[in-house]
């Protein structure tokens, strides 16, 4: 699975989870774990692909995180496979931990 496609799956799943009451964390709160300013780029009217693009653009500024994210997504063939393994919050937290390791 390509990074952009995987991010869209994770973002869409998280939005649905939040709207259904499965989590108190909004998409903005999850994305802010990557960078507080990044969440300011997200507006309520944005579509899933636009939010995914914001996250991907952020990753492109950090080659190590981008490579890690691309490698991770490449393991999955279907959205179902990806969602069985991880959700957006865990993905973002794992990326944050990987960035801290690079410091």
PDB file of N, CA and C in Angstrom:
ATOM      1  N   UNK A   1       0.849  -1.171   0.000  1.00  0.00           N
ATOM      2  CA  UNK A   1       0.000   0.000   0.000  1.00  0.00           C
ATOM      3  C   UNK A   1       0.896   1.235   0.000  1.00  0.00           C
ATOM      4  N   UNK A   2       0.524   2.205  -0.800  1.00  0.00           N
ATOM      5  CA  UNK A   2       1.255   3.469  -0.855  1.00  0.00           C
ATOM      6  C   UNK A   2       0.951   4.302   0.397  1.00  0.00           C
ATOM      7  N   UNK A   3       1.875   5.177   0.758  1.00  0.00           N
ATOM      8  CA  UNK A   3       1.724   5.993   1.954  1.00  0.00           C
ATOM      9  C   UNK A   3       0.437   6.823   1.924  1.00  0.00           C
ATOM     10  N   UNK A   4       0.199   7.518   0.838  1.00  0.00           N
ATOM     11  CA  UNK A   4      -0.993   8.372   0.747  1.00  0.00           C
ATOM     12  C   UNK A   4      -2.281   7.588   0.924  1.00  0.00           C
ATOM     13  N   UNK A   5      -2.346   6.433   0.289  1.00  0.00           N
ATOM     14  CA  UNK A   5      -3.534   5.579   0.409  1.00  0.00           C
ATOM     15  C   UNK A   5      -3.716   5.111   1.854  1.00  0.00           C
ATOM     16  N   UNK A   6      -2.635   4.689   2.478  1.00  0.00           N
ATOM     17  CA  UNK A   6      -2.702   4.230   3.861  1.00  0.00           C
ATOM     18  C   UNK A   6      -3.115   5.339   4.813  1.00  0.00           C
ATOM     19  N   UNK A   7      -2.574   6.529   4.594  1.00  0.00           N
ATOM     20  CA  UNK A   7      -2.954   7.662   5.443  1.00  0.00           C
ATOM     21  C   UNK A   7      -4.441   7.977   5.299  1.00  0.00           C
ATOM     22  N   UNK A   8      -4.950   7.918   4.085  1.00  0.00           N
ATOM     23  CA  UNK A   8      -6.379   8.167   3.879  1.00  0.00           C
ATOM     24  C   UNK A   8      -7.228   7.149   4.632  1.00  0.00           C
ATOM     25  N   UNK A   9      -6.817   5.899   4.610  1.00  0.00           N
ATOM     26  CA  UNK A   9      -7.552   4.854   5.326  1.00  0.00           C
ATOM     27  C   UNK A   9      -7.548   5.146   6.825  1.00  0.00           C
ATOM     28  N   UNK A  10      -6.372   5.480   7.359  1.00  0.00           N
ATOM     29  CA  UNK A  10      -6.259   5.755   8.793  1.00  0.00           C
ATOM     30  C   UNK A  10      -7.037   7.002   9.204  1.00  0.00           C
ATOM     31  N   UNK A  11      -6.944   8.046   8.400  1.00  0.00           N
ATOM     32  CA  UNK A  11      -7.652   9.294   8.707  1.00  0.00           C
ATOM     33  C   UNK A  11      -9.163   9.070   8.659  1.00  0.00           C
ATOM     34  N   UNK A  12      -9.642   8.425   7.610  1.00  0.00           N
ATOM     35  CA  UNK A  12     -11.073   8.169   7.466  1.00  0.00           C
ATOM     36  C   UNK A  12     -11.591   7.321   8.629  1.00  0.00           C
ATOM     37  N   UNK A  13     -10.839   6.300   8.983  1.00  0.00           N
ATOM     38  CA  UNK A  13     -11.220   5.432  10.092  1.00  0.00           C
ATOM     39  C   UNK A  13     -11.286   6.221  11.399  1.00  0.00           C
ATOM     40  N   UNK A  14     -10.302   7.106  11.616  1.00  0.00           N
ATOM     41  CA  UNK A  14     -10.275   7.878  12.859  1.00  0.00           C
ATOM     42  C   UNK A  14     -11.450   8.858  12.939  1.00  0.00           C
ATOM     43  N   UNK A  15     -11.735   9.510  11.833  1.00  0.00           N
ATOM     44  CA  UNK A  15     -12.871  10.448  11.802  1.00  0.00           C
ATOM     45  C   UNK A  15     -14.165   9.696  12.143  1.00  0.00           C
ATOM     46  N   UNK A  16     -14.350   8.532  11.540  1.00  0.00           N
ATOM     47  CA  UNK A  16     -15.543   7.731  11.820  1.00  0.00           C
ATOM     48  C   UNK A  16     -15.591   7.317  13.290  1.00  0.00           C
ATOM     49  N   UNK A  17     -14.459   6.884  13.822  1.00  0.00           N
ATOM     50  CA  UNK A  17     -14.380   6.468  15.219  1.00  0.00           C
ATOM     51  C   UNK A  17     -14.761   7.622  16.146  1.00  0.00           C
ATOM     52  N   UNK A  18     -14.232   8.807  15.858  1.00  0.00           N
ATOM     53  CA  UNK A  18     -14.518   9.984  16.683  1.00  0.00           C
ATOM     54  C   UNK A  18     -16.002  10.364  16.592  1.00  0.00           C
ATOM     55  N   UNK A  19     -16.534  10.368  15.385  1.00  0.00           N
ATOM     56  CA  UNK A  19     -17.942  10.733  15.201  1.00  0.00           C
ATOM     57  C   UNK A  19     -18.886   9.735  15.853  1.00  0.00           C
ATOM     58  N   UNK A  20     -18.473   8.471  15.909  1.00  0.00           N
ATOM     59  CA  UNK A  20     -19.301   7.431  16.518  1.00  0.00           C
ATOM     60  C   UNK A  20     -19.129   7.353  18.037  1.00  0.00           C
ATOM     61  N   UNK A  21     -18.256   8.212  18.595  1.00  0.00           N
ATOM     62  CA  UNK A  21     -18.056   8.232  20.037  1.00  0.00           C
ATOM     63  C   UNK A  21     -17.051   7.213  20.550  1.00  0.00           C
ATOM     64  N   UNK A  22     -16.307   6.593  19.648  1.00  0.00           N
ATOM     65  CA  UNK A  22     -15.330   5.591  20.051  1.00  0.00           C
ATOM     66  C   UNK A  22     -14.051   6.176  20.619  1.00  0.00           C
ATOM     67  N   UNK A  23     -13.854   7.476  20.445  1.00  0.00           N
ATOM     68  CA  UNK A  23     -12.700   8.167  20.996  1.00  0.00           C
ATOM     69  C   UNK A  23     -13.053   9.634  21.218  1.00  0.00           C
ATOM     70  N   UNK A  24     -12.455  10.193  22.243  1.00  0.00           N
ATOM     71  CA  UNK A  24     -12.661  11.620  22.508  1.00  0.00           C
ATOM     72  C   UNK A  24     -11.683  12.479  21.709  1.00  0.00           C
ATOM     73  N   UNK A  25     -10.615  11.867  21.204  1.00  0.00           N
ATOM     74  CA  UNK A  25      -9.596  12.615  20.464  1.00  0.00           C
ATOM     75  C   UNK A  25     -10.063  12.933  19.053  1.00  0.00           C
ATOM     76  N   UNK A  26     -10.068  14.210  18.717  1.00  0.00           N
ATOM     77  CA  UNK A  26     -10.415  14.615  17.353  1.00  0.00           C
ATOM     78  C   UNK A  26      -9.225  14.368  16.429  1.00  0.00           C
ATOM     79  N   UNK A  27      -9.470  14.465  15.158  1.00  0.00           N
ATOM     80  CA  UNK A  27      -8.400  14.308  14.176  1.00  0.00           C
ATOM     81  C   UNK A  27      -7.327  15.375  14.388  1.00  0.00           C
ATOM     82  N   UNK A  28      -7.744  16.597  14.744  1.00  0.00           N
ATOM     83  CA  UNK A  28      -6.786  17.677  14.987  1.00  0.00           C
ATOM     84  C   UNK A  28      -5.890  17.351  16.175  1.00  0.00           C
ATOM     85  N   UNK A  29      -6.470  16.775  17.216  1.00  0.00           N
ATOM     86  CA  UNK A  29      -5.683  16.426  18.408  1.00  0.00           C
ATOM     87  C   UNK A  29      -4.670  15.325  18.108  1.00  0.00           C
ATOM     88  N   UNK A  30      -5.062  14.377  17.293  1.00  0.00           N
ATOM     89  CA  UNK A  30      -4.125  13.303  16.924  1.00  0.00           C
ATOM     90  C   UNK A  30      -2.992  13.866  16.077  1.00  0.00           C
ATOM     91  N   UNK A  31      -3.326  14.660  15.080  1.00  0.00           N
ATOM     92  CA  UNK A  31      -2.306  15.236  14.195  1.00  0.00           C
ATOM     93  C   UNK A  31      -1.375  16.168  14.964  1.00  0.00           C
ATOM     94  N   UNK A  32      -1.899  16.834  15.981  1.00  0.00           N
ATOM     95  CA  UNK A  32      -1.056  17.750  16.761  1.00  0.00           C
ATOM     96  C   UNK A  32       0.045  17.018  17.508  1.00  0.00           C
ATOM     97  N   UNK A  33      -0.077  15.700  17.656  1.00  0.00           N
ATOM     98  CA  UNK A  33       0.984  14.912  18.289  1.00  0.00           C
ATOM     99  C   UNK A  33       2.244  14.891  17.417  1.00  0.00           C
ATOM    100  N   UNK A  34       2.065  15.072  16.116  1.00  0.00           N
ATOM    101  CA  UNK A  34       3.216  15.183  15.213  1.00  0.00           C
ATOM    102  C   UNK A  34       3.845  16.562  15.345  1.00  0.00           C
ATOM    103  N   UNK A  35       2.985  17.576  15.327  1.00  0.00           N
ATOM    104  CA  UNK A  35       3.435  18.965  15.394  1.00  0.00           C
ATOM    105  C   UNK A  35       2.216  19.807  15.742  1.00  0.00           C
ATOM    106  N   UNK A  36       2.321  20.587  16.807  1.00  0.00           N
ATOM    107  CA  UNK A  36       1.166  21.380  17.256  1.00  0.00           C
ATOM    108  C   UNK A  36       0.646  22.304  16.161  1.00  0.00           C
ATOM    109  N   UNK A  37       1.534  22.901  15.415  1.00  0.00           N
ATOM    110  CA  UNK A  37       1.134  23.817  14.351  1.00  0.00           C
ATOM    111  C   UNK A  37       0.426  23.116  13.210  1.00  0.00           C
ATOM    112  N   UNK A  38       0.718  21.837  13.046  1.00  0.00           N
ATOM    113  CA  UNK A  38       0.119  21.072  11.960  1.00  0.00           C
ATOM    114  C   UNK A  38      -1.399  20.975  12.116  1.00  0.00           C
ATOM    115  N   UNK A  39      -1.862  20.843  13.339  1.00  0.00           N
ATOM    116  CA  UNK A  39      -3.294  20.735  13.584  1.00  0.00           C
ATOM    117  C   UNK A  39      -4.028  22.006  13.165  1.00  0.00           C
ATOM    118  N   UNK A  40      -3.344  23.136  13.196  1.00  0.00           N
ATOM    119  CA  UNK A  40      -3.968  24.397  12.783  1.00  0.00           C
ATOM    120  C   UNK A  40      -4.263  24.411  11.286  1.00  0.00           C
ATOM    121  N   UNK A  41      -3.591  23.521  10.541  1.00  0.00           N
ATOM    122  CA  UNK A  41      -3.801  23.426   9.100  1.00  0.00           C
ATOM    123  C   UNK A  41      -5.076  22.672   8.752  1.00  0.00           C
ATOM    124  N   UNK A  42      -5.660  22.021   9.743  1.00  0.00           N
ATOM    125  CA  UNK A  42      -6.825  21.176   9.503  1.00  0.00           C
ATOM    126  C   UNK A  42      -8.092  21.923   9.904  1.00  0.00           C
ATOM    127  N   UNK A  43      -9.027  21.965   8.983  1.00  0.00           N
ATOM    128  CA  UNK A  43     -10.299  22.626   9.242  1.00  0.00           C
ATOM    129  C   UNK A  43     -11.422  21.588   9.160  1.00  0.00           C
ATOM    130  N   UNK A  44     -12.549  21.858   9.803  1.00  0.00           N
ATOM    131  CA  UNK A  44     -13.653  20.891   9.808  1.00  0.00           C
ATOM    132  C   UNK A  44     -14.190  20.526   8.421  1.00  0.00           C
ATOM    133  N   UNK A  45     -14.087  21.427   7.474  1.00  0.00           N
ATOM    134  CA  UNK A  45     -14.629  21.134   6.144  1.00  0.00           C
ATOM    135  C   UNK A  45     -13.663  20.353   5.246  1.00  0.00           C
ATOM    136  N   UNK A  46     -12.465  20.079   5.731  1.00  0.00           N
ATOM    137  CA  UNK A  46     -11.494  19.346   4.911  1.00  0.00           C
ATOM    138  C   UNK A  46     -11.933  17.901   4.695  1.00  0.00           C
ATOM    139  N   UNK A  47     -11.626  17.407   3.533  1.00  0.00           N
ATOM    140  CA  UNK A  47     -11.906  16.018   3.185  1.00  0.00           C
ATOM    141  C   UNK A  47     -10.738  15.143   3.637  1.00  0.00           C
ATOM    142  N   UNK A  48     -10.983  13.856   3.702  1.00  0.00           N
ATOM    143  CA  UNK A  48      -9.980  12.891   4.151  1.00  0.00           C
ATOM    144  C   UNK A  48      -8.672  13.030   3.373  1.00  0.00           C
ATOM    145  N   UNK A  49      -8.755  13.126   2.056  1.00  0.00           N
ATOM    146  CA  UNK A  49      -7.551  13.227   1.231  1.00  0.00           C
ATOM    147  C   UNK A  49      -6.752  14.479   1.564  1.00  0.00           C
ATOM    148  N   UNK A  50      -7.435  15.565   1.862  1.00  0.00           N
ATOM    149  CA  UNK A  50      -6.736  16.809   2.198  1.00  0.00           C
ATOM    150  C   UNK A  50      -5.999  16.677   3.531  1.00  0.00           C
ATOM    151  N   UNK A  51      -6.628  16.052   4.508  1.00  0.00           N
ATOM    152  CA  UNK A  51      -5.974  15.845   5.801  1.00  0.00           C
ATOM    153  C   UNK A  51      -4.779  14.920   5.634  1.00  0.00           C
ATOM    154  N   UNK A  52      -4.948  13.879   4.848  1.00  0.00           N
ATOM    155  CA  UNK A  52      -3.842  12.949   4.577  1.00  0.00           C
ATOM    156  C   UNK A  52      -2.677  13.670   3.916  1.00  0.00           C
ATOM    157  N   UNK A  53      -2.993  14.586   3.002  1.00  0.00           N
ATOM    158  CA  UNK A  53      -1.944  15.358   2.326  1.00  0.00           C
ATOM    159  C   UNK A  53      -1.186  16.254   3.298  1.00  0.00           C
ATOM    160  N   UNK A  54      -1.890  16.819   4.280  1.00  0.00           N
ATOM    161  CA  UNK A  54      -1.226  17.631   5.297  1.00  0.00           C
ATOM    162  C   UNK A  54      -0.211  16.780   6.068  1.00  0.00           C
ATOM    163  N   UNK A  55      -0.627  15.574   6.451  1.00  0.00           N
ATOM    164  CA  UNK A  55       0.268  14.679   7.189  1.00  0.00           C
ATOM    165  C   UNK A  55       1.438  14.256   6.308  1.00  0.00           C
ATOM    166  N   UNK A  56       1.163  13.899   5.066  1.00  0.00           N
ATOM    167  CA  UNK A  56       2.227  13.464   4.158  1.00  0.00           C
ATOM    168  C   UNK A  56       3.213  14.595   3.886  1.00  0.00           C
ATOM    169  N   UNK A  57       2.726  15.802   3.734  1.00  0.00           N
ATOM    170  CA  UNK A  57       3.614  16.954   3.527  1.00  0.00           C
ATOM    171  C   UNK A  57       4.530  17.150   4.724  1.00  0.00           C
ATOM    172  N   UNK A  58       3.984  16.974   5.905  1.00  0.00           N
ATOM    173  CA  UNK A  58       4.804  17.064   7.120  1.00  0.00           C
ATOM    174  C   UNK A  58       5.899  15.994   7.095  1.00  0.00           C
ATOM    175  N   UNK A  59       5.531  14.776   6.735  1.00  0.00           N
ATOM    176  CA  UNK A  59       6.501  13.677   6.702  1.00  0.00           C
ATOM    177  C   UNK A  59       7.595  13.928   5.670  1.00  0.00           C
ATOM    178  N   UNK A  60       7.242  14.563   4.573  1.00  0.00           N
ATOM    179  CA  UNK A  60       8.234  14.839   3.529  1.00  0.00           C
ATOM    180  C   UNK A  60       9.316  15.804   4.001  1.00  0.00           C
ATOM    181  N   UNK A  61       9.034  16.542   5.055  1.00  0.00           N
ATOM    182  CA  UNK A  61      10.030  17.454   5.618  1.00  0.00           C
ATOM    183  C   UNK A  61      11.005  16.727   6.542  1.00  0.00           C
ATOM    184  N   UNK A  62      10.704  15.478   6.868  1.00  0.00           N
ATOM    185  CA  UNK A  62      11.555  14.675   7.728  1.00  0.00           C
ATOM    186  C   UNK A  62      11.836  13.348   7.022  1.00  0.00           C
ATOM    187  N   UNK A  63      12.937  13.253   6.291  1.00  0.00           N
ATOM    188  CA  UNK A  63      13.213  12.064   5.489  1.00  0.00           C
ATOM    189  C   UNK A  63      13.200  10.747   6.269  1.00  0.00           C
ATOM    190  N   UNK A  64      13.683  10.756   7.499  1.00  0.00           N
ATOM    191  CA  UNK A  64      13.701   9.516   8.284  1.00  0.00           C
ATOM    192  C   UNK A  64      12.275   9.063   8.609  1.00  0.00           C
ATOM    193  N   UNK A  65      11.421  10.008   9.005  1.00  0.00           N
ATOM    194  CA  UNK A  65      10.031   9.669   9.311  1.00  0.00           C
ATOM    195  C   UNK A  65       9.297   9.233   8.051  1.00  0.00           C
ATOM    196  N   UNK A  66       9.569   9.901   6.936  1.00  0.00           N
ATOM    197  CA  UNK A  66       8.940   9.547   5.670  1.00  0.00           C
ATOM    198  C   UNK A  66       9.319   8.124   5.263  1.00  0.00           C
ATOM    199  N   UNK A  67      10.593   7.815   5.350  1.00  0.00           N
ATOM    200  CA  UNK A  67      11.054   6.472   4.986  1.00  0.00           C
ATOM    201  C   UNK A  67      10.428   5.415   5.888  1.00  0.00           C
ATOM    202  N   UNK A  68      10.358   5.698   7.174  1.00  0.00           N
ATOM    203  CA  UNK A  68       9.757   4.772   8.126  1.00  0.00           C
ATOM    204  C   UNK A  68       8.279   4.560   7.813  1.00  0.00           C
ATOM    205  N   UNK A  69       7.567   5.635   7.543  1.00  0.00           N
ATOM    206  CA  UNK A  69       6.139   5.547   7.238  1.00  0.00           C
ATOM    207  C   UNK A  69       5.887   4.789   5.942  1.00  0.00           C
ATOM    208  N   UNK A  70       6.688   5.064   4.920  1.00  0.00           N
ATOM    209  CA  UNK A  70       6.533   4.364   3.637  1.00  0.00           C
ATOM    210  C   UNK A  70       6.814   2.875   3.787  1.00  0.00           C
ATOM    211  N   UNK A  71       7.850   2.540   4.531  1.00  0.00           N
ATOM    212  CA  UNK A  71       8.186   1.128   4.754  1.00  0.00           C
ATOM    213  C   UNK A  71       7.078   0.417   5.510  1.00  0.00           C
ATOM    214  N   UNK A  72       6.528   1.094   6.498  1.00  0.00           N
ATOM    215  CA  UNK A  72       5.449   0.499   7.272  1.00  0.00           C
ATOM    216  C   UNK A  72       4.233   0.234   6.391  1.00  0.00           C
ATOM    217  N   UNK A  73       3.824   1.219   5.622  1.00  0.00           N
ATOM    218  CA  UNK A  73       2.630   1.078   4.780  1.00  0.00           C
ATOM    219  C   UNK A  73       2.816   0.009   3.705  1.00  0.00           C
ATOM    220  N   UNK A  74       4.031  -0.175   3.245  1.00  0.00           N
ATOM    221  CA  UNK A  74       4.307  -1.147   2.186  1.00  0.00           C
ATOM    222  C   UNK A  74       4.007  -2.582   2.626  1.00  0.00           C
ATOM    223  N   UNK A  75       3.900  -2.799   3.918  1.00  0.00           N
ATOM    224  CA  UNK A  75       3.622  -4.144   4.438  1.00  0.00           C
ATOM    225  C   UNK A  75       2.184  -4.599   4.195  1.00  0.00           C
ATOM    226  N   UNK A  76       1.299  -3.662   3.885  1.00  0.00           N
ATOM    227  CA  UNK A  76      -0.129  -3.963   3.836  1.00  0.00           C
ATOM    228  C   UNK A  76      -0.675  -3.930   2.419  1.00  0.00           C
ATOM    229  N   UNK A  77      -1.531  -4.914   2.132  1.00  0.00           N
ATOM    230  CA  UNK A  77      -2.142  -5.002   0.803  1.00  0.00           C
ATOM    231  C   UNK A  77      -3.522  -4.379   0.753  1.00  0.00           C
ATOM    232  N   UNK A  78      -4.236  -4.420   1.869  1.00  0.00           N
ATOM    233  CA  UNK A  78      -5.619  -3.931   1.877  1.00  0.00           C
ATOM    234  C   UNK A  78      -5.852  -2.997   3.066  1.00  0.00           C
ATOM    235  N   UNK A  79      -6.862  -2.145   2.962  1.00  0.00           N
ATOM    236  CA  UNK A  79      -7.215  -1.301   4.107  1.00  0.00           C
ATOM    237  C   UNK A  79      -7.540  -2.118   5.359  1.00  0.00           C
ATOM    238  N   UNK A  80      -8.211  -3.245   5.169  1.00  0.00           N
ATOM    239  CA  UNK A  80      -8.551  -4.107   6.300  1.00  0.00           C
ATOM    240  C   UNK A  80      -7.317  -4.616   7.024  1.00  0.00           C
ATOM    241  N   UNK A  81      -6.313  -5.014   6.245  1.00  0.00           N
ATOM    242  CA  UNK A  81      -5.053  -5.483   6.844  1.00  0.00           C
ATOM    243  C   UNK A  81      -4.410  -4.383   7.675  1.00  0.00           C
ATOM    244  N   UNK A  82      -4.401  -3.172   7.136  1.00  0.00           N
ATOM    245  CA  UNK A  82      -3.805  -2.034   7.826  1.00  0.00           C
ATOM    246  C   UNK A  82      -4.551  -1.745   9.127  1.00  0.00           C
ATOM    247  N   UNK A  83      -5.877  -1.701   9.058  1.00  0.00           N
ATOM    248  CA  UNK A  83      -6.668  -1.357  10.235  1.00  0.00           C
ATOM    249  C   UNK A  83      -6.650  -2.442  11.306  1.00  0.00           C
ATOM    250  N   UNK A  84      -6.351  -3.675  10.915  1.00  0.00           N
ATOM    251  CA  UNK A  84      -6.191  -4.736  11.908  1.00  0.00           C
ATOM    252  C   UNK A  84      -4.919  -4.516  12.725  1.00  0.00           C
ATOM    253  N   UNK A  85      -3.947  -3.859  12.120  1.00  0.00           N
ATOM    254  CA  UNK A  85      -2.638  -3.663  12.751  1.00  0.00           C
ATOM    255  C   UNK A  85      -2.535  -2.375  13.561  1.00  0.00           C
ATOM    256  N   UNK A  86      -3.149  -1.289  13.074  1.00  0.00           N
ATOM    257  CA  UNK A  86      -2.870   0.014  13.677  1.00  0.00           C
ATOM    258  C   UNK A  86      -4.001   1.001  13.397  1.00  0.00           C
ATOM    259  N   UNK A  87      -4.093   2.028  14.237  1.00  0.00           N
ATOM    260  CA  UNK A  87      -5.006   3.138  13.965  1.00  0.00           C
ATOM    261  C   UNK A  87      -4.166   4.408  13.830  1.00  0.00           C
ATOM    262  N   UNK A  88      -4.804   5.513  13.505  1.00  0.00           N
ATOM    263  CA  UNK A  88      -4.071   6.757  13.253  1.00  0.00           C
ATOM    264  C   UNK A  88      -3.297   7.223  14.480  1.00  0.00           C
ATOM    265  N   UNK A  89      -3.904   7.149  15.648  1.00  0.00           N
ATOM    266  CA  UNK A  89      -3.231   7.612  16.859  1.00  0.00           C
ATOM    267  C   UNK A  89      -1.959   6.803  17.114  1.00  0.00           C
ATOM    268  N   UNK A  90      -2.027   5.505  17.007  1.00  0.00           N
ATOM    269  CA  UNK A  90      -0.837   4.665  17.209  1.00  0.00           C
ATOM    270  C   UNK A  90       0.222   4.941  16.142  1.00  0.00           C
ATOM    271  N   UNK A  91      -0.222   5.133  14.908  1.00  0.00           N
ATOM    272  CA  UNK A  91       0.696   5.436  13.822  1.00  0.00           C
ATOM    273  C   UNK A  91       1.459   6.729  14.101  1.00  0.00           C
ATOM    274  N   UNK A  92       0.729   7.759  14.506  1.00  0.00           N
ATOM    275  CA  UNK A  92       1.337   9.058  14.806  1.00  0.00           C
ATOM    276  C   UNK A  92       2.295   8.938  16.000  1.00  0.00           C
ATOM    277  N   UNK A  93       1.872   8.218  17.025  1.00  0.00           N
ATOM    278  CA  UNK A  93       2.740   8.032  18.199  1.00  0.00           C
ATOM    279  C   UNK A  93       4.014   7.281  17.827  1.00  0.00           C
ATOM    280  N   UNK A  94       3.881   6.262  16.985  1.00  0.00           N
ATOM    281  CA  UNK A  94       5.062   5.517  16.535  1.00  0.00           C
ATOM    282  C   UNK A  94       6.006   6.412  15.733  1.00  0.00           C
ATOM    283  N   UNK A  95       5.457   7.273  14.897  1.00  0.00           N
ATOM    284  CA  UNK A  95       6.287   8.204  14.133  1.00  0.00           C
ATOM    285  C   UNK A  95       7.017   9.169  15.066  1.00  0.00           C
ATOM    286  N   UNK A  96       6.307   9.653  16.067  1.00  0.00           N
ATOM    287  CA  UNK A  96       6.912  10.552  17.044  1.00  0.00           C
ATOM    288  C   UNK A  96       8.041   9.878  17.791  1.00  0.00           C
ATOM    289  N   UNK A  97       7.853   8.624  18.142  1.00  0.00           N
ATOM    290  CA  UNK A  97       8.902   7.876  18.844  1.00  0.00           C
ATOM    291  C   UNK A  97      10.108   7.662  17.929  1.00  0.00           C
ATOM    292  N   UNK A  98       9.845   7.399  16.657  1.00  0.00           N
ATOM    293  CA  UNK A  98      10.939   7.197  15.704  1.00  0.00           C
ATOM    294  C   UNK A  98      11.734   8.499  15.523  1.00  0.00           C
ATOM    295  N   UNK A  99      11.026   9.639  15.488  1.00  0.00           N
ATOM    296  CA  UNK A  99      11.714  10.929  15.357  1.00  0.00           C
ATOM    297  C   UNK A  99      12.556  11.213  16.587  1.00  0.00           C
ATOM    298  N   UNK A 100      12.053  10.881  17.773  1.00  0.00           N
ATOM    299  CA  UNK A 100      12.818  11.094  19.017  1.00  0.00           C
ATOM    300  C   UNK A 100      14.086  10.246  19.021  1.00  0.00           C
ATOM    301  N   UNK A 101      14.006   9.032  18.450  1.00  0.00           N
ATOM    302  CA  UNK A 101      15.173   8.166  18.376  1.00  0.00           C
ATOM    303  C   UNK A 101      16.258   8.740  17.472  1.00  0.00           C
ATOM    304  N   UNK A 102      15.830   9.541  16.485  1.00  0.00           N
ATOM    305  CA  UNK A 102      16.789  10.132  15.536  1.00  0.00           C
ATOM    306  C   UNK A 102      17.514  11.323  16.114  1.00  0.00           C
ATOM    307  N   UNK A 103      17.050  11.866  17.242  1.00  0.00           N
ATOM    308  CA  UNK A 103      17.672  13.066  17.840  1.00  0.00           C
ATOM    309  C   UNK A 103      18.956  12.730  18.536  1.00  0.00           C
TER     310      UNK A 103
END
